[in-house]
């Protein structure tokens, strides 16, 4: 039970980390494209 809960929490954290990474990369790309040279 405890192991399953711990794995479940780590999976959620991993999914959030992936989502934040994708969003950060997207905004970084937009910033680089729109920023003046």
PDB file of N, CA and C in Angstrom:
ATOM      1  N   UNK A   1       0.855  -1.204   0.000  1.00  0.00           N
ATOM      2  CA  UNK A   1       0.000   0.000   0.000  1.00  0.00           C
ATOM      3  C   UNK A   1       0.887   1.249   0.000  1.00  0.00           C
ATOM      4  N   UNK A   2       1.837   1.277   0.913  1.00  0.00           N
ATOM      5  CA  UNK A   2       2.698   2.452   1.009  1.00  0.00           C
ATOM      6  C   UNK A   2       3.550   2.599  -0.254  1.00  0.00           C
ATOM      7  N   UNK A   3       4.036   1.459  -0.769  1.00  0.00           N
ATOM      8  CA  UNK A   3       4.864   1.504  -1.973  1.00  0.00           C
ATOM      9  C   UNK A   3       4.044   1.992  -3.163  1.00  0.00           C
ATOM     10  N   UNK A   4       2.794   1.532  -3.277  1.00  0.00           N
ATOM     11  CA  UNK A   4       1.953   1.963  -4.386  1.00  0.00           C
ATOM     12  C   UNK A   4       1.680   3.466  -4.309  1.00  0.00           C
ATOM     13  N   UNK A   5       1.414   3.958  -3.105  1.00  0.00           N
ATOM     14  CA  UNK A   5       1.151   5.386  -2.945  1.00  0.00           C
ATOM     15  C   UNK A   5       2.390   6.196  -3.306  1.00  0.00           C
ATOM     16  N   UNK A   6       3.550   5.723  -2.878  1.00  0.00           N
ATOM     17  CA  UNK A   6       4.789   6.440  -3.167  1.00  0.00           C
ATOM     18  C   UNK A   6       5.047   6.451  -4.677  1.00  0.00           C
ATOM     19  N   UNK A   7       4.803   5.317  -5.337  1.00  0.00           N
ATOM     20  CA  UNK A   7       4.996   5.256  -6.784  1.00  0.00           C
ATOM     21  C   UNK A   7       3.995   6.182  -7.472  1.00  0.00           C
ATOM     22  N   UNK A   8       2.762   6.203  -6.992  1.00  0.00           N
ATOM     23  CA  UNK A   8       1.728   7.056  -7.589  1.00  0.00           C
ATOM     24  C   UNK A   8       2.133   8.525  -7.486  1.00  0.00           C
ATOM     25  N   UNK A   9       2.625   8.931  -6.322  1.00  0.00           N
ATOM     26  CA  UNK A   9       3.050  10.321  -6.145  1.00  0.00           C
ATOM     27  C   UNK A   9       4.228  10.648  -7.047  1.00  0.00           C
ATOM     28  N   UNK A  10       5.174   9.739  -7.176  1.00  0.00           N
ATOM     29  CA  UNK A  10       6.333   9.994  -8.025  1.00  0.00           C
ATOM     30  C   UNK A  10       5.907  10.095  -9.485  1.00  0.00           C
ATOM     31  N   UNK A  11       4.910   9.304  -9.893  1.00  0.00           N
ATOM     32  CA  UNK A  11       4.421   9.391 -11.271  1.00  0.00           C
ATOM     33  C   UNK A  11       3.777  10.757 -11.519  1.00  0.00           C
ATOM     34  N   UNK A  12       3.008  11.255 -10.559  1.00  0.00           N
ATOM     35  CA  UNK A  12       2.379  12.570 -10.710  1.00  0.00           C
ATOM     36  C   UNK A  12       3.455  13.650 -10.804  1.00  0.00           C
ATOM     37  N   UNK A  13       4.456  13.571  -9.934  1.00  0.00           N
ATOM     38  CA  UNK A  13       5.533  14.564  -9.958  1.00  0.00           C
ATOM     39  C   UNK A  13       6.264  14.511 -11.291  1.00  0.00           C
ATOM     40  N   UNK A  14       6.481  13.297 -11.800  1.00  0.00           N
ATOM     41  CA  UNK A  14       7.190  13.163 -13.075  1.00  0.00           C
ATOM     42  C   UNK A  14       6.368  13.775 -14.207  1.00  0.00           C
ATOM     43  N   UNK A  15       5.044  13.547 -14.195  1.00  0.00           N
ATOM     44  CA  UNK A  15       4.187  14.116 -15.237  1.00  0.00           C
ATOM     45  C   UNK A  15       4.178  15.641 -15.161  1.00  0.00           C
ATOM     46  N   UNK A  16       4.101  16.192 -13.950  1.00  0.00           N
ATOM     47  CA  UNK A  16       4.125  17.647 -13.801  1.00  0.00           C
ATOM     48  C   UNK A  16       5.461  18.206 -14.255  1.00  0.00           C
ATOM     49  N   UNK A  17       6.559  17.497 -13.942  1.00  0.00           N
ATOM     50  CA  UNK A  17       7.881  17.963 -14.364  1.00  0.00           C
ATOM     51  C   UNK A  17       7.963  18.004 -15.883  1.00  0.00           C
ATOM     52  N   UNK A  18       7.435  16.976 -16.546  1.00  0.00           N
ATOM     53  CA  UNK A  18       7.441  16.953 -18.011  1.00  0.00           C
ATOM     54  C   UNK A  18       6.609  18.100 -18.562  1.00  0.00           C
ATOM     55  N   UNK A  19       5.432  18.332 -17.988  1.00  0.00           N
ATOM     56  CA  UNK A  19       4.552  19.396 -18.472  1.00  0.00           C
ATOM     57  C   UNK A  19       5.210  20.763 -18.299  1.00  0.00           C
ATOM     58  N   UNK A  20       5.796  20.994 -17.127  1.00  0.00           N
ATOM     59  CA  UNK A  20       6.463  22.272 -16.876  1.00  0.00           C
ATOM     60  C   UNK A  20       7.643  22.449 -17.831  1.00  0.00           C
ATOM     61  N   UNK A  21       8.374  21.368 -18.089  1.00  0.00           N
ATOM     62  CA  UNK A  21       9.500  21.452 -19.017  1.00  0.00           C
ATOM     63  C   UNK A  21       9.044  21.827 -20.416  1.00  0.00           C
ATOM     64  N   UNK A  22       7.948  21.232 -20.867  1.00  0.00           N
ATOM     65  CA  UNK A  22       7.427  21.535 -22.207  1.00  0.00           C
ATOM     66  C   UNK A  22       6.970  22.993 -22.275  1.00  0.00           C
ATOM     67  N   UNK A  23       6.255  23.450 -21.256  1.00  0.00           N
ATOM     68  CA  UNK A  23       5.772  24.836 -21.246  1.00  0.00           C
ATOM     69  C   UNK A  23       6.954  25.803 -21.185  1.00  0.00           C
ATOM     70  N   UNK A  24       7.952  25.495 -20.361  1.00  0.00           N
ATOM     71  CA  UNK A  24       9.119  26.367 -20.258  1.00  0.00           C
ATOM     72  C   UNK A  24       9.851  26.448 -21.594  1.00  0.00           C
ATOM     73  N   UNK A  25      10.004  25.310 -22.269  1.00  0.00           N
ATOM     74  CA  UNK A  25      10.674  25.302 -23.571  1.00  0.00           C
ATOM     75  C   UNK A  25       9.874  26.117 -24.583  1.00  0.00           C
ATOM     76  N   UNK A  26       8.552  25.995 -24.536  1.00  0.00           N
ATOM     77  CA  UNK A  26       7.697  26.739 -25.465  1.00  0.00           C
ATOM     78  C   UNK A  26       7.850  28.247 -25.253  1.00  0.00           C
ATOM     79  N   UNK A  27       7.760  28.700 -23.995  1.00  0.00           N
ATOM     80  CA  UNK A  27       7.879  30.131 -23.731  1.00  0.00           C
ATOM     81  C   UNK A  27       9.290  30.628 -24.030  1.00  0.00           C
ATOM     82  N   UNK A  28      10.302  29.801 -23.773  1.00  0.00           N
ATOM     83  CA  UNK A  28      11.671  30.199 -24.092  1.00  0.00           C
ATOM     84  C   UNK A  28      11.817  30.376 -25.597  1.00  0.00           C
ATOM     85  N   UNK A  29      11.223  29.478 -26.369  1.00  0.00           N
ATOM     86  CA  UNK A  29      11.275  29.575 -27.827  1.00  0.00           C
ATOM     87  C   UNK A  29      10.572  30.844 -28.303  1.00  0.00           C
ATOM     88  N   UNK A  30       9.403  31.138 -27.739  1.00  0.00           N
ATOM     89  CA  UNK A  30       8.674  32.356 -28.114  1.00  0.00           C
ATOM     90  C   UNK A  30       9.496  33.590 -27.754  1.00  0.00           C
ATOM     91  N   UNK A  31      10.095  33.583 -26.568  1.00  0.00           N
ATOM     92  CA  UNK A  31      10.887  34.729 -26.124  1.00  0.00           C
ATOM     93  C   UNK A  31      12.080  34.955 -27.052  1.00  0.00           C
ATOM     94  N   UNK A  32      12.761  33.886 -27.430  1.00  0.00           N
ATOM     95  CA  UNK A  32      13.924  34.014 -28.314  1.00  0.00           C
ATOM     96  C   UNK A  32      13.484  34.538 -29.680  1.00  0.00           C
ATOM     97  N   UNK A  33      12.323  34.092 -30.157  1.00  0.00           N
ATOM     98  CA  UNK A  33      11.857  34.521 -31.478  1.00  0.00           C
ATOM     99  C   UNK A  33      11.388  35.977 -31.464  1.00  0.00           C
ATOM    100  N   UNK A  34      10.817  36.437 -30.352  1.00  0.00           N
ATOM    101  CA  UNK A  34      10.258  37.786 -30.302  1.00  0.00           C
ATOM    102  C   UNK A  34      11.240  38.815 -29.748  1.00  0.00           C
ATOM    103  N   UNK A  35      12.265  38.355 -29.037  1.00  0.00           N
ATOM    104  CA  UNK A  35      13.197  39.298 -28.423  1.00  0.00           C
ATOM    105  C   UNK A  35      14.012  40.014 -29.500  1.00  0.00           C
ATOM    106  N   UNK A  36      14.237  41.320 -29.333  1.00  0.00           N
ATOM    107  CA  UNK A  36      15.073  42.051 -30.292  1.00  0.00           C
ATOM    108  C   UNK A  36      16.516  41.567 -30.219  1.00  0.00           C
ATOM    109  N   UNK A  37      17.234  41.571 -31.312  1.00  0.00           N
ATOM    110  CA  UNK A  37      18.622  41.078 -31.344  1.00  0.00           C
ATOM    111  C   UNK A  37      19.566  41.973 -30.548  1.00  0.00           C
TER     112      UNK A  37
END
